[in-house]
Amino acid sequence: MMHLAYLDAGSGSLIVQAVVGGVAGVAVAAKLYWRRLTARYRRQRTDRS
């Protein structure tokens, strides 16, 4: 059985939007986890007055 598929401009735009949104979501999640990780190992400053 032969399957035919047609992608119009709207379908292509939807696919591109999903990919860009996924990449942006991964970038934000990585940034949040990176800050948590570095905050755990960062030295704390001591106030010397």
N, C-alpha and C. Protein backbone atom coordinates (compact mmCIF):
# COMPACT_ATOMS: atom_id res chain seq x y z
N MET A 1 0.83 -1.17 0.00
CA MET A 1 0.00 0.00 0.00
C MET A 1 0.89 1.25 0.00
N MET A 2 0.57 2.19 -0.85
CA MET A 2 1.36 3.40 -0.97
C MET A 2 0.72 4.53 -0.15
N HIS A 3 1.56 5.21 0.64
CA HIS A 3 1.08 6.32 1.46
C HIS A 3 1.59 7.62 0.86
N LEU A 4 0.72 8.56 0.72
CA LEU A 4 1.10 9.87 0.21
C LEU A 4 0.91 10.89 1.32
N ALA A 5 1.85 11.80 1.43
CA ALA A 5 1.76 12.84 2.45
C ALA A 5 2.02 14.19 1.80
N TYR A 6 1.31 15.18 2.26
CA TYR A 6 1.47 16.52 1.72
C TYR A 6 1.72 17.46 2.88
N LEU A 7 2.81 18.19 2.82
CA LEU A 7 3.13 19.18 3.83
C LEU A 7 3.00 20.56 3.20
N ASP A 8 2.05 21.33 3.68
CA ASP A 8 1.92 22.68 3.17
C ASP A 8 2.73 23.63 4.06
N ALA A 9 2.66 24.91 3.78
CA ALA A 9 3.44 25.89 4.53
C ALA A 9 3.05 25.92 6.00
N GLY A 10 1.78 25.73 6.29
CA GLY A 10 1.33 25.72 7.68
C GLY A 10 1.90 24.56 8.46
N SER A 11 1.96 23.39 7.84
CA SER A 11 2.54 22.22 8.51
C SER A 11 4.02 22.41 8.75
N GLY A 12 4.71 22.92 7.77
CA GLY A 12 6.15 23.17 7.92
C GLY A 12 6.42 24.19 9.01
N SER A 13 5.59 25.23 9.07
CA SER A 13 5.74 26.25 10.10
C SER A 13 5.50 25.66 11.48
N LEU A 14 4.54 24.78 11.60
CA LEU A 14 4.24 24.14 12.88
C LEU A 14 5.41 23.27 13.33
N ILE A 15 6.01 22.55 12.42
CA ILE A 15 7.15 21.70 12.75
C ILE A 15 8.34 22.55 13.19
N VAL A 16 8.62 23.62 12.46
CA VAL A 16 9.73 24.51 12.82
C VAL A 16 9.48 25.14 14.19
N GLN A 17 8.26 25.57 14.45
CA GLN A 17 7.92 26.19 15.72
C GLN A 17 8.10 25.19 16.87
N ALA A 18 7.71 23.95 16.67
CA ALA A 18 7.87 22.93 17.70
C ALA A 18 9.34 22.66 17.99
N VAL A 19 10.16 22.62 16.96
CA VAL A 19 11.60 22.37 17.15
C VAL A 19 12.24 23.54 17.88
N VAL A 20 11.94 24.77 17.46
CA VAL A 20 12.52 25.95 18.10
C VAL A 20 12.06 26.05 19.55
N GLY A 21 10.80 25.78 19.81
CA GLY A 21 10.29 25.80 21.18
C GLY A 21 10.94 24.74 22.05
N GLY A 22 11.16 23.57 21.50
CA GLY A 22 11.84 22.51 22.25
C GLY A 22 13.27 22.87 22.59
N VAL A 23 13.97 23.46 21.64
CA VAL A 23 15.35 23.88 21.88
C VAL A 23 15.38 24.98 22.94
N ALA A 24 14.46 25.93 22.87
CA ALA A 24 14.40 27.01 23.86
C ALA A 24 14.09 26.45 25.25
N GLY A 25 13.19 25.49 25.33
CA GLY A 25 12.85 24.88 26.61
C GLY A 25 14.03 24.14 27.22
N VAL A 26 14.75 23.42 26.41
CA VAL A 26 15.94 22.70 26.90
C VAL A 26 17.00 23.70 27.37
N ALA A 27 17.16 24.80 26.65
CA ALA A 27 18.15 25.81 27.03
C ALA A 27 17.80 26.44 28.38
N VAL A 28 16.55 26.76 28.60
CA VAL A 28 16.13 27.35 29.88
C VAL A 28 16.30 26.35 31.02
N ALA A 29 15.93 25.12 30.80
CA ALA A 29 16.08 24.10 31.84
C ALA A 29 17.56 23.88 32.17
N ALA A 30 18.42 23.85 31.16
CA ALA A 30 19.85 23.68 31.39
C ALA A 30 20.42 24.85 32.17
N LYS A 31 19.96 26.05 31.87
CA LYS A 31 20.44 27.23 32.58
C LYS A 31 20.06 27.17 34.05
N LEU A 32 18.83 26.77 34.34
CA LEU A 32 18.39 26.68 35.73
C LEU A 32 19.18 25.63 36.50
N TYR A 33 19.34 24.45 35.92
CA TYR A 33 20.09 23.40 36.61
C TYR A 33 21.56 23.76 36.74
N TRP A 34 22.13 24.47 35.77
CA TRP A 34 23.53 24.88 35.85
C TRP A 34 23.73 25.85 37.00
N ARG A 35 22.80 26.78 37.18
CA ARG A 35 22.91 27.73 38.29
C ARG A 35 22.81 27.02 39.63
N ARG A 36 21.91 26.05 39.73
CA ARG A 36 21.80 25.30 40.98
C ARG A 36 23.08 24.52 41.27
N LEU A 37 23.65 23.93 40.25
CA LEU A 37 24.87 23.14 40.42
C LEU A 37 26.04 24.02 40.82
N THR A 38 26.21 25.15 40.15
CA THR A 38 27.34 26.03 40.48
C THR A 38 27.14 26.71 41.82
N ALA A 39 25.91 27.00 42.22
CA ALA A 39 25.66 27.62 43.51
C ALA A 39 26.02 26.66 44.65
N ARG A 40 25.89 25.39 44.41
CA ARG A 40 26.21 24.40 45.43
C ARG A 40 27.72 24.34 45.70
N TYR A 41 28.53 24.58 44.68
CA TYR A 41 29.98 24.46 44.83
C TYR A 41 30.70 25.80 44.91
N ARG A 42 29.97 26.88 44.82
CA ARG A 42 30.59 28.21 44.88
C ARG A 42 30.95 28.54 46.33
N ARG A 43 32.10 29.18 46.49
CA ARG A 43 32.49 29.59 47.83
C ARG A 43 31.64 30.76 48.27
N GLN A 44 31.37 30.80 49.55
CA GLN A 44 30.61 31.91 50.08
C GLN A 44 31.58 32.96 50.61
N ARG A 45 31.27 34.21 50.33
CA ARG A 45 32.13 35.30 50.78
C ARG A 45 31.93 35.53 52.27
N THR A 46 33.01 35.87 52.92
CA THR A 46 32.93 36.23 54.33
C THR A 46 33.14 37.72 54.44
N ASP A 47 32.36 38.36 55.27
CA ASP A 47 32.49 39.81 55.46
C ASP A 47 33.58 40.09 56.48
N ARG A 48 34.59 40.80 56.05
CA ARG A 48 35.67 41.20 56.96
C ARG A 48 35.66 42.72 57.04
N SER A 49 35.09 43.21 58.12
CA SER A 49 34.99 44.66 58.27
C SER A 49 36.05 45.17 59.21
